[in-house]
């Protein structure tokens, strides 16, 4: 129904953004990784979307890339994984890392995602193994200084949520910068 939303970022939260489209604010639920990649408040953004209609509500979910949206759709096809859990899984690690973990059947890594657990991780791998072969995942195209900085902070032991928050705040302070500058500023922010 709604394929994408394009406008200005009115507000950014940990798991949502409000996009101002000609004076109408769209509340879009996003992964923490998408939050770190879309920019800052006041900037122009285009998010691919999925509208999930329930009995008592309609929720709009947003994605920074087609590969993220395709993986979200695949996650929804797994029994016991709903829209919120699928978004939590996407917040757990980058799309290419998540696909790799599923294909390798790395249950330990997948089970470390909040709320997933070992049994659900096993089910996820079993049900998605063939489907993921059909999803095109853009590997190098999605890399950016922001993503590189967040990945480096995660490698240093910060949670994806903290790493993305630190990089987002660093970007608000220093603007467009290379990954090294973002990492240094984010480390200062996260140490406070």
N, C-alpha and C. Protein backbone atom coordinates (compact mmCIF):
# COMPACT_ATOMS: atom_id res chain seq x y z
N UNK A 1 0.82 -1.19 0.00
CA UNK A 1 0.00 0.00 0.00
C UNK A 1 0.86 1.26 0.00
N UNK A 2 1.75 1.41 0.99
CA UNK A 2 2.65 2.56 1.03
C UNK A 2 4.05 2.00 0.82
N UNK A 3 4.62 2.22 -0.37
CA UNK A 3 5.91 1.65 -0.72
C UNK A 3 7.07 2.40 -0.10
N UNK A 4 6.96 3.72 0.00
CA UNK A 4 8.01 4.51 0.62
C UNK A 4 7.44 5.82 1.15
N UNK A 5 8.21 6.45 2.04
CA UNK A 5 7.87 7.77 2.58
C UNK A 5 9.10 8.65 2.37
N UNK A 6 8.87 9.83 1.79
CA UNK A 6 9.98 10.74 1.54
C UNK A 6 9.63 12.12 2.08
N UNK A 7 10.53 12.67 2.86
CA UNK A 7 10.30 13.99 3.44
C UNK A 7 11.45 14.38 4.33
N UNK A 8 11.16 15.18 5.35
CA UNK A 8 12.20 15.64 6.28
C UNK A 8 12.04 14.94 7.61
N UNK A 9 13.15 14.66 8.26
CA UNK A 9 13.12 14.01 9.56
C UNK A 9 12.70 15.04 10.61
N UNK A 10 11.52 14.84 11.19
CA UNK A 10 11.02 15.75 12.22
C UNK A 10 11.51 15.34 13.60
N UNK A 11 11.65 14.02 13.82
CA UNK A 11 12.06 13.52 15.13
C UNK A 11 12.66 12.14 14.96
N UNK A 12 13.68 11.85 15.76
CA UNK A 12 14.31 10.52 15.75
C UNK A 12 14.29 9.97 17.17
N UNK A 13 13.83 8.74 17.31
CA UNK A 13 13.87 8.04 18.60
C UNK A 13 14.71 6.79 18.46
N UNK A 14 14.78 6.00 19.51
CA UNK A 14 15.59 4.78 19.48
C UNK A 14 15.08 3.78 18.46
N UNK A 15 13.76 3.71 18.28
CA UNK A 15 13.21 2.72 17.35
C UNK A 15 12.12 3.30 16.44
N UNK A 16 12.16 4.62 16.24
CA UNK A 16 11.18 5.24 15.35
C UNK A 16 11.73 6.55 14.79
N UNK A 17 11.11 6.99 13.71
CA UNK A 17 11.36 8.33 13.19
C UNK A 17 10.01 8.91 12.80
N UNK A 18 9.91 10.24 12.86
CA UNK A 18 8.72 10.91 12.36
C UNK A 18 9.18 11.66 11.12
N UNK A 19 8.56 11.33 9.98
CA UNK A 19 8.91 11.94 8.70
C UNK A 19 7.83 12.96 8.35
N UNK A 20 8.24 14.20 8.15
CA UNK A 20 7.34 15.28 7.75
C UNK A 20 7.22 15.27 6.23
N UNK A 21 6.05 14.87 5.76
CA UNK A 21 5.78 14.84 4.32
C UNK A 21 4.73 15.91 4.04
N UNK A 22 5.17 17.05 3.57
CA UNK A 22 4.28 18.18 3.24
C UNK A 22 3.34 18.53 4.39
N UNK A 23 3.89 18.58 5.60
CA UNK A 23 3.09 18.97 6.76
C UNK A 23 2.38 17.85 7.47
N UNK A 24 2.50 16.61 6.99
CA UNK A 24 1.90 15.45 7.64
C UNK A 24 3.02 14.62 8.23
N UNK A 25 2.95 14.34 9.53
CA UNK A 25 4.00 13.57 10.19
C UNK A 25 3.68 12.08 10.20
N UNK A 26 4.52 11.29 9.53
CA UNK A 26 4.36 9.84 9.51
C UNK A 26 5.26 9.23 10.58
N UNK A 27 4.66 8.52 11.53
CA UNK A 27 5.40 7.82 12.58
C UNK A 27 5.79 6.47 12.00
N UNK A 28 7.09 6.25 11.83
CA UNK A 28 7.59 5.05 11.18
C UNK A 28 8.49 4.30 12.15
N UNK A 29 8.17 3.05 12.44
CA UNK A 29 9.02 2.22 13.29
C UNK A 29 10.19 1.72 12.46
N UNK A 30 11.39 1.83 13.02
CA UNK A 30 12.60 1.43 12.30
C UNK A 30 13.53 0.66 13.23
N UNK A 31 14.51 -0.03 12.63
CA UNK A 31 15.53 -0.71 13.43
C UNK A 31 16.55 0.33 13.88
N UNK A 32 17.31 -0.01 14.92
CA UNK A 32 18.34 0.93 15.40
C UNK A 32 19.41 1.13 14.33
N UNK A 33 19.64 0.15 13.48
CA UNK A 33 20.63 0.31 12.41
C UNK A 33 20.13 1.30 11.36
N UNK A 34 18.86 1.27 11.05
CA UNK A 34 18.30 2.24 10.12
C UNK A 34 18.38 3.64 10.72
N UNK A 35 18.09 3.75 12.01
CA UNK A 35 18.16 5.05 12.68
C UNK A 35 19.54 5.68 12.51
N UNK A 36 20.58 4.86 12.62
CA UNK A 36 21.94 5.40 12.52
C UNK A 36 22.33 5.75 11.08
N UNK A 37 21.63 5.20 10.12
CA UNK A 37 22.00 5.42 8.72
C UNK A 37 21.20 6.50 8.00
N UNK A 38 20.11 6.98 8.58
CA UNK A 38 19.24 7.88 7.81
C UNK A 38 19.58 9.35 7.92
N UNK A 39 20.38 9.74 8.88
CA UNK A 39 20.73 11.15 9.01
C UNK A 39 20.22 11.75 10.30
N UNK A 40 20.14 13.07 10.31
CA UNK A 40 19.78 13.82 11.51
C UNK A 40 18.45 14.55 11.30
N UNK A 41 17.89 15.04 12.40
CA UNK A 41 16.65 15.81 12.31
C UNK A 41 16.84 17.00 11.37
N UNK A 42 15.84 17.25 10.54
CA UNK A 42 15.88 18.35 9.58
C UNK A 42 16.39 17.95 8.21
N UNK A 43 17.02 16.78 8.11
CA UNK A 43 17.55 16.32 6.83
C UNK A 43 16.47 15.60 6.04
N UNK A 44 16.65 15.59 4.74
CA UNK A 44 15.74 14.89 3.85
C UNK A 44 16.03 13.39 3.91
N UNK A 45 14.97 12.59 3.83
CA UNK A 45 15.15 11.14 3.90
C UNK A 45 14.08 10.45 3.06
N UNK A 46 14.41 9.27 2.58
CA UNK A 46 13.46 8.41 1.88
C UNK A 46 13.57 7.02 2.50
N UNK A 47 12.49 6.55 3.08
CA UNK A 47 12.46 5.22 3.69
C UNK A 47 11.51 4.32 2.91
N UNK A 48 11.98 3.13 2.62
CA UNK A 48 11.09 2.10 2.07
C UNK A 48 10.23 1.63 3.24
N UNK A 49 9.01 1.23 2.97
CA UNK A 49 8.10 0.92 4.08
C UNK A 49 7.31 -0.37 3.88
N UNK A 50 6.76 -0.83 4.98
CA UNK A 50 5.76 -1.90 5.01
C UNK A 50 4.66 -1.45 5.96
N UNK A 51 3.43 -1.49 5.51
CA UNK A 51 2.28 -1.16 6.35
C UNK A 51 1.71 -2.46 6.88
N UNK A 52 1.70 -2.59 8.20
CA UNK A 52 1.17 -3.80 8.84
C UNK A 52 -0.19 -3.43 9.44
N UNK A 53 -1.22 -4.10 8.95
CA UNK A 53 -2.59 -3.83 9.39
C UNK A 53 -3.02 -4.93 10.34
N UNK A 54 -3.45 -4.51 11.53
CA UNK A 54 -3.96 -5.44 12.54
C UNK A 54 -5.41 -5.11 12.78
N UNK A 55 -6.05 -5.90 13.61
CA UNK A 55 -7.46 -5.66 13.93
C UNK A 55 -7.70 -4.27 14.47
N UNK A 56 -6.82 -3.83 15.38
CA UNK A 56 -7.05 -2.58 16.08
C UNK A 56 -6.07 -1.46 15.74
N UNK A 57 -5.16 -1.70 14.80
CA UNK A 57 -4.19 -0.66 14.48
C UNK A 57 -3.53 -0.89 13.13
N UNK A 58 -2.88 0.16 12.65
CA UNK A 58 -2.04 0.07 11.46
C UNK A 58 -0.69 0.66 11.84
N UNK A 59 0.38 -0.07 11.55
CA UNK A 59 1.72 0.39 11.89
C UNK A 59 2.57 0.43 10.63
N UNK A 60 3.37 1.49 10.52
CA UNK A 60 4.25 1.67 9.37
C UNK A 60 5.68 1.38 9.81
N UNK A 61 6.33 0.44 9.12
CA UNK A 61 7.71 0.07 9.41
C UNK A 61 8.57 0.56 8.26
N UNK A 62 9.75 1.13 8.60
CA UNK A 62 10.61 1.72 7.59
C UNK A 62 11.97 1.06 7.51
N UNK A 63 12.58 1.15 6.31
CA UNK A 63 13.85 0.49 6.04
C UNK A 63 14.73 1.38 5.19
N UNK A 64 16.03 1.39 5.50
CA UNK A 64 16.98 2.22 4.77
C UNK A 64 17.36 1.61 3.42
N UNK A 65 17.14 0.31 3.24
CA UNK A 65 17.53 -0.34 1.99
C UNK A 65 16.53 -1.43 1.60
N UNK A 66 16.58 -1.79 0.34
CA UNK A 66 15.71 -2.86 -0.16
C UNK A 66 16.09 -4.20 0.46
N UNK A 67 17.38 -4.41 0.70
CA UNK A 67 17.80 -5.68 1.30
C UNK A 67 17.26 -5.81 2.73
N UNK A 68 17.21 -4.70 3.47
CA UNK A 68 16.66 -4.75 4.82
C UNK A 68 15.16 -5.06 4.78
N UNK A 69 14.44 -4.44 3.84
CA UNK A 69 13.00 -4.69 3.74
C UNK A 69 12.74 -6.14 3.29
N UNK A 70 13.54 -6.65 2.37
CA UNK A 70 13.37 -8.03 1.92
C UNK A 70 13.62 -9.02 3.06
N UNK A 71 14.63 -8.74 3.87
CA UNK A 71 14.91 -9.61 5.00
C UNK A 71 13.78 -9.53 6.03
N UNK A 72 13.24 -8.33 6.24
CA UNK A 72 12.10 -8.16 7.14
C UNK A 72 10.92 -9.02 6.68
N UNK A 73 10.62 -8.96 5.39
CA UNK A 73 9.53 -9.77 4.84
C UNK A 73 9.79 -11.26 5.07
N UNK A 74 11.04 -11.68 4.87
CA UNK A 74 11.39 -13.08 5.08
C UNK A 74 11.22 -13.46 6.55
N UNK A 75 11.63 -12.59 7.46
CA UNK A 75 11.49 -12.86 8.89
C UNK A 75 10.02 -13.02 9.28
N UNK A 76 9.15 -12.21 8.68
CA UNK A 76 7.72 -12.30 8.99
C UNK A 76 7.11 -13.64 8.56
N UNK A 77 7.74 -14.29 7.60
CA UNK A 77 7.21 -15.56 7.12
C UNK A 77 7.51 -16.71 8.08
N UNK A 78 8.36 -16.48 9.07
CA UNK A 78 8.70 -17.52 10.05
C UNK A 78 7.64 -17.54 11.14
N UNK A 79 7.10 -18.70 11.41
CA UNK A 79 6.08 -18.85 12.45
C UNK A 79 6.58 -18.37 13.80
N UNK A 80 5.78 -17.58 14.51
CA UNK A 80 6.15 -17.09 15.82
C UNK A 80 6.93 -15.78 15.82
N UNK A 81 7.22 -15.25 14.63
CA UNK A 81 7.92 -13.97 14.54
C UNK A 81 6.97 -12.95 13.93
N UNK A 82 6.61 -11.97 14.74
CA UNK A 82 5.71 -10.92 14.29
C UNK A 82 6.49 -9.68 13.89
N UNK A 83 5.76 -8.61 13.55
CA UNK A 83 6.41 -7.38 13.09
C UNK A 83 7.41 -6.78 14.08
N UNK A 84 7.06 -6.74 15.36
CA UNK A 84 7.96 -6.15 16.35
C UNK A 84 9.20 -7.02 16.55
N UNK A 85 9.03 -8.33 16.63
CA UNK A 85 10.18 -9.22 16.81
C UNK A 85 11.09 -9.16 15.59
N UNK A 86 10.52 -9.10 14.40
CA UNK A 86 11.34 -9.00 13.18
C UNK A 86 12.18 -7.73 13.21
N UNK A 87 11.61 -6.63 13.69
CA UNK A 87 12.35 -5.37 13.78
C UNK A 87 13.43 -5.47 14.85
N UNK A 88 13.16 -6.17 15.95
CA UNK A 88 14.16 -6.38 16.99
C UNK A 88 15.33 -7.18 16.44
N UNK A 89 15.03 -8.19 15.64
CA UNK A 89 16.09 -9.00 15.03
C UNK A 89 16.94 -8.14 14.10
N UNK A 90 16.30 -7.29 13.30
CA UNK A 90 17.04 -6.40 12.40
C UNK A 90 17.89 -5.40 13.17
N UNK A 91 17.47 -5.05 14.38
CA UNK A 91 18.26 -4.13 15.21
C UNK A 91 19.47 -4.82 15.82
N UNK A 92 19.46 -6.14 15.83
CA UNK A 92 20.52 -6.90 16.47
C UNK A 92 21.85 -6.89 15.74
N UNK A 93 21.81 -6.80 14.42
CA UNK A 93 23.05 -6.79 13.63
C UNK A 93 22.75 -6.34 12.21
N UNK A 94 23.81 -6.00 11.48
CA UNK A 94 23.67 -5.54 10.10
C UNK A 94 23.05 -6.64 9.24
N UNK A 95 22.39 -6.24 8.16
CA UNK A 95 21.67 -7.18 7.30
C UNK A 95 22.59 -8.29 6.79
N UNK A 96 23.75 -7.92 6.24
CA UNK A 96 24.64 -8.94 5.69
C UNK A 96 25.15 -9.89 6.78
N UNK A 97 25.40 -9.38 7.99
CA UNK A 97 25.83 -10.23 9.11
C UNK A 97 24.70 -11.18 9.53
N UNK A 98 23.49 -10.68 9.55
CA UNK A 98 22.34 -11.49 9.94
C UNK A 98 22.11 -12.61 8.93
N UNK A 99 22.15 -12.26 7.65
CA UNK A 99 21.99 -13.28 6.61
C UNK A 99 23.09 -14.33 6.73
N UNK A 100 24.32 -13.88 6.93
CA UNK A 100 25.44 -14.80 7.07
C UNK A 100 25.25 -15.73 8.26
N UNK A 101 24.81 -15.19 9.39
CA UNK A 101 24.59 -16.01 10.59
C UNK A 101 23.49 -17.05 10.35
N UNK A 102 22.44 -16.67 9.62
CA UNK A 102 21.35 -17.61 9.33
C UNK A 102 21.82 -18.71 8.39
N UNK A 103 22.54 -18.31 7.34
CA UNK A 103 23.02 -19.29 6.36
C UNK A 103 24.03 -20.25 7.00
N UNK A 104 24.91 -19.73 7.88
CA UNK A 104 25.91 -20.56 8.57
C UNK A 104 25.31 -21.35 9.73
N UNK A 105 24.04 -21.07 10.05
CA UNK A 105 23.36 -21.70 11.19
C UNK A 105 24.12 -21.42 12.48
N UNK A 106 24.50 -20.16 12.64
CA UNK A 106 25.23 -19.72 13.82
C UNK A 106 24.22 -19.40 14.92
N UNK A 107 23.71 -20.45 15.57
CA UNK A 107 22.65 -20.30 16.57
C UNK A 107 23.09 -19.43 17.74
N UNK A 108 24.35 -19.57 18.13
CA UNK A 108 24.85 -18.82 19.29
C UNK A 108 24.76 -17.32 19.03
N UNK A 109 25.21 -16.87 17.87
CA UNK A 109 25.16 -15.45 17.52
C UNK A 109 23.72 -14.97 17.44
N UNK A 110 22.87 -15.75 16.78
CA UNK A 110 21.46 -15.37 16.63
C UNK A 110 20.75 -15.34 17.98
N UNK A 111 21.05 -16.30 18.84
CA UNK A 111 20.40 -16.37 20.15
C UNK A 111 20.79 -15.19 21.04
N UNK A 112 21.89 -14.51 20.71
CA UNK A 112 22.31 -13.35 21.51
C UNK A 112 21.43 -12.12 21.25
N UNK A 113 20.61 -12.17 20.20
CA UNK A 113 19.69 -11.07 19.92
C UNK A 113 18.56 -11.13 20.94
N UNK A 114 18.30 -9.98 21.56
CA UNK A 114 17.31 -9.89 22.64
C UNK A 114 15.96 -10.48 22.20
N UNK A 115 15.47 -11.43 22.98
CA UNK A 115 14.15 -12.01 22.75
C UNK A 115 14.11 -13.16 21.76
N UNK A 116 15.23 -13.47 21.12
CA UNK A 116 15.20 -14.53 20.10
C UNK A 116 15.34 -15.91 20.72
N UNK A 117 16.37 -16.16 21.47
CA UNK A 117 16.56 -17.46 22.12
C UNK A 117 17.02 -18.53 21.15
N UNK A 118 17.53 -19.63 21.70
CA UNK A 118 18.13 -20.70 20.88
C UNK A 118 17.10 -21.42 20.02
N UNK A 119 15.96 -21.78 20.59
CA UNK A 119 14.96 -22.54 19.82
C UNK A 119 14.42 -21.73 18.65
N UNK A 120 14.15 -20.46 18.90
CA UNK A 120 13.66 -19.60 17.82
C UNK A 120 14.74 -19.37 16.77
N UNK A 121 16.00 -19.28 17.21
CA UNK A 121 17.12 -19.11 16.28
C UNK A 121 17.23 -20.33 15.37
N UNK A 122 17.06 -21.51 15.95
CA UNK A 122 17.11 -22.74 15.15
C UNK A 122 15.97 -22.78 14.14
N UNK A 123 14.78 -22.39 14.58
CA UNK A 123 13.62 -22.37 13.69
C UNK A 123 13.83 -21.36 12.56
N UNK A 124 14.38 -20.21 12.91
CA UNK A 124 14.67 -19.16 11.94
C UNK A 124 15.60 -19.67 10.85
N UNK A 125 16.67 -20.34 11.24
CA UNK A 125 17.63 -20.89 10.27
C UNK A 125 16.97 -21.95 9.39
N UNK A 126 16.22 -22.83 10.02
CA UNK A 126 15.57 -23.91 9.28
C UNK A 126 14.59 -23.36 8.23
N UNK A 127 13.77 -22.39 8.62
CA UNK A 127 12.73 -21.89 7.72
C UNK A 127 13.25 -20.90 6.68
N UNK A 128 14.37 -20.22 6.96
CA UNK A 128 14.83 -19.18 6.04
C UNK A 128 16.00 -19.58 5.15
N UNK A 129 16.57 -20.73 5.40
CA UNK A 129 17.76 -21.14 4.65
C UNK A 129 17.57 -21.02 3.14
N UNK A 130 16.49 -21.57 2.61
CA UNK A 130 16.25 -21.53 1.16
C UNK A 130 15.80 -20.15 0.69
N UNK A 131 14.97 -19.48 1.47
CA UNK A 131 14.45 -18.17 1.07
C UNK A 131 15.57 -17.15 0.94
N UNK A 132 16.56 -17.21 1.82
CA UNK A 132 17.63 -16.21 1.81
C UNK A 132 18.51 -16.35 0.57
N UNK A 133 18.54 -17.52 -0.01
CA UNK A 133 19.30 -17.69 -1.24
C UNK A 133 18.70 -16.85 -2.36
N UNK A 134 17.40 -16.54 -2.26
CA UNK A 134 16.71 -15.79 -3.31
C UNK A 134 16.77 -14.27 -3.07
N UNK A 135 17.10 -13.85 -1.86
CA UNK A 135 17.14 -12.42 -1.55
C UNK A 135 18.49 -11.86 -1.97
N UNK A 136 18.47 -10.79 -2.73
CA UNK A 136 19.72 -10.15 -3.12
C UNK A 136 20.15 -9.22 -1.99
N UNK A 137 21.35 -9.44 -1.48
CA UNK A 137 21.89 -8.61 -0.42
C UNK A 137 23.04 -7.79 -0.98
N UNK A 138 22.89 -6.48 -0.96
CA UNK A 138 23.94 -5.59 -1.44
C UNK A 138 25.01 -5.50 -0.36
N UNK A 139 26.19 -6.01 -0.65
CA UNK A 139 27.21 -6.05 0.39
C UNK A 139 27.95 -4.73 0.55
N UNK A 140 28.66 -4.27 -0.42
CA UNK A 140 29.46 -3.07 -0.25
C UNK A 140 28.69 -1.79 -0.43
N UNK A 141 27.55 -1.84 -1.11
CA UNK A 141 26.81 -0.62 -1.45
C UNK A 141 26.27 0.11 -0.23
N UNK A 142 26.01 -0.62 0.85
CA UNK A 142 25.39 0.01 2.00
C UNK A 142 26.42 0.55 3.00
N UNK A 143 27.71 0.36 2.73
CA UNK A 143 28.73 0.83 3.65
C UNK A 143 28.85 2.34 3.57
N UNK A 144 29.04 2.97 4.68
CA UNK A 144 29.19 4.41 4.77
C UNK A 144 30.06 4.69 5.98
N UNK A 145 30.57 5.91 6.11
CA UNK A 145 31.35 6.22 7.31
C UNK A 145 30.54 6.01 8.59
N UNK A 146 29.25 6.32 8.54
CA UNK A 146 28.38 6.13 9.71
C UNK A 146 28.30 4.64 10.06
N UNK A 147 28.05 3.81 9.06
CA UNK A 147 27.95 2.37 9.28
C UNK A 147 29.28 1.80 9.75
N UNK A 148 30.39 2.23 9.12
CA UNK A 148 31.72 1.75 9.51
C UNK A 148 32.02 2.12 10.96
N UNK A 149 31.66 3.34 11.36
CA UNK A 149 31.90 3.79 12.73
C UNK A 149 31.08 2.96 13.72
N UNK A 150 29.81 2.73 13.41
CA UNK A 150 28.95 1.92 14.28
C UNK A 150 29.48 0.49 14.39
N UNK A 151 29.91 -0.08 13.26
CA UNK A 151 30.47 -1.44 13.27
C UNK A 151 31.71 -1.51 14.15
N UNK A 152 32.56 -0.47 14.07
CA UNK A 152 33.78 -0.45 14.88
C UNK A 152 33.44 -0.39 16.37
N UNK A 153 32.45 0.40 16.74
CA UNK A 153 32.05 0.50 18.15
C UNK A 153 31.46 -0.82 18.65
N UNK A 154 30.71 -1.48 17.79
CA UNK A 154 30.15 -2.79 18.16
C UNK A 154 31.29 -3.78 18.37
N UNK A 155 32.31 -3.72 17.50
CA UNK A 155 33.47 -4.60 17.64
C UNK A 155 34.23 -4.32 18.94
N UNK A 156 34.16 -3.08 19.42
CA UNK A 156 34.81 -2.72 20.68
C UNK A 156 34.00 -3.16 21.90
N UNK A 157 32.81 -3.70 21.66
CA UNK A 157 32.02 -4.23 22.77
C UNK A 157 30.76 -3.45 23.11
N UNK A 158 30.49 -2.36 22.41
CA UNK A 158 29.27 -1.60 22.66
C UNK A 158 28.09 -2.33 22.02
N UNK A 159 26.92 -2.19 22.63
CA UNK A 159 25.72 -2.80 22.04
C UNK A 159 25.37 -2.04 20.76
N UNK A 160 24.67 -2.69 19.81
CA UNK A 160 24.29 -1.98 18.58
C UNK A 160 23.50 -0.70 18.87
N UNK A 161 22.63 -0.74 19.88
CA UNK A 161 21.84 0.44 20.22
C UNK A 161 22.73 1.59 20.70
N UNK A 162 23.67 1.29 21.61
CA UNK A 162 24.58 2.33 22.10
C UNK A 162 25.51 2.82 21.01
N UNK A 163 26.02 1.90 20.20
CA UNK A 163 26.93 2.28 19.11
C UNK A 163 26.23 3.21 18.14
N UNK A 164 25.02 2.87 17.76
CA UNK A 164 24.27 3.70 16.81
C UNK A 164 23.91 5.05 17.41
N UNK A 165 23.54 5.06 18.69
CA UNK A 165 23.23 6.32 19.36
C UNK A 165 24.46 7.21 19.42
N UNK A 166 25.61 6.62 19.78
CA UNK A 166 26.85 7.38 19.86
C UNK A 166 27.25 7.99 18.53
N UNK A 167 27.13 7.20 17.47
CA UNK A 167 27.48 7.70 16.13
C UNK A 167 26.50 8.78 15.68
N UNK A 168 25.21 8.57 15.96
CA UNK A 168 24.22 9.57 15.57
C UNK A 168 24.48 10.90 16.28
N UNK A 169 24.76 10.84 17.59
CA UNK A 169 25.05 12.06 18.34
C UNK A 169 26.36 12.70 17.87
N UNK A 170 27.35 11.87 17.55
CA UNK A 170 28.63 12.39 17.04
C UNK A 170 28.41 13.11 15.72
N UNK A 171 27.56 12.55 14.89
CA UNK A 171 27.29 13.16 13.59
C UNK A 171 26.55 14.49 13.75
N UNK A 172 25.69 14.57 14.76
CA UNK A 172 24.99 15.83 15.03
C UNK A 172 25.97 16.92 15.46
N UNK A 173 27.03 16.53 16.17
CA UNK A 173 28.02 17.49 16.67
C UNK A 173 29.00 17.91 15.58
N UNK A 174 29.57 16.92 14.85
CA UNK A 174 30.62 17.25 13.88
C UNK A 174 30.17 17.23 12.43
N UNK A 175 28.95 16.81 12.18
CA UNK A 175 28.44 16.78 10.81
C UNK A 175 29.03 15.65 10.00
N UNK A 176 29.08 15.85 8.68
CA UNK A 176 29.65 14.84 7.79
C UNK A 176 31.13 14.68 8.11
N UNK A 177 31.57 13.46 8.33
CA UNK A 177 32.98 13.22 8.66
C UNK A 177 33.33 11.79 8.28
N UNK A 178 34.63 11.50 8.31
CA UNK A 178 35.04 10.13 8.02
C UNK A 178 34.78 9.26 9.25
N UNK A 179 34.93 7.95 9.08
CA UNK A 179 34.62 7.01 10.16
C UNK A 179 35.49 7.24 11.39
N UNK A 180 36.79 7.55 11.19
CA UNK A 180 37.69 7.74 12.33
C UNK A 180 37.23 8.89 13.23
N UNK A 181 36.85 10.01 12.62
CA UNK A 181 36.39 11.16 13.40
C UNK A 181 35.10 10.83 14.14
N UNK A 182 34.20 10.12 13.47
CA UNK A 182 32.94 9.72 14.11
C UNK A 182 33.19 8.79 15.29
N UNK A 183 34.13 7.87 15.12
CA UNK A 183 34.45 6.92 16.20
C UNK A 183 35.00 7.66 17.41
N UNK A 184 35.96 8.58 17.18
CA UNK A 184 36.55 9.32 18.29
C UNK A 184 35.49 10.11 19.06
N UNK A 185 34.63 10.82 18.33
CA UNK A 185 33.60 11.63 18.97
C UNK A 185 32.58 10.72 19.68
N UNK A 186 32.18 9.62 19.04
CA UNK A 186 31.21 8.71 19.65
C UNK A 186 31.77 8.10 20.93
N UNK A 187 33.06 7.78 20.95
CA UNK A 187 33.67 7.23 22.16
C UNK A 187 33.62 8.24 23.30
N UNK A 188 33.88 9.52 22.99
CA UNK A 188 33.78 10.57 24.01
C UNK A 188 32.35 10.64 24.57
N UNK A 189 31.37 10.57 23.67
CA UNK A 189 29.97 10.65 24.08
C UNK A 189 29.59 9.44 24.95
N UNK A 190 30.00 8.26 24.53
CA UNK A 190 29.60 7.03 25.23
C UNK A 190 30.31 6.87 26.58
N UNK A 191 31.46 7.52 26.74
CA UNK A 191 32.19 7.42 28.01
C UNK A 191 31.61 8.31 29.09
N UNK A 192 30.77 9.26 28.73
CA UNK A 192 30.18 10.19 29.71
C UNK A 192 29.15 9.50 30.55
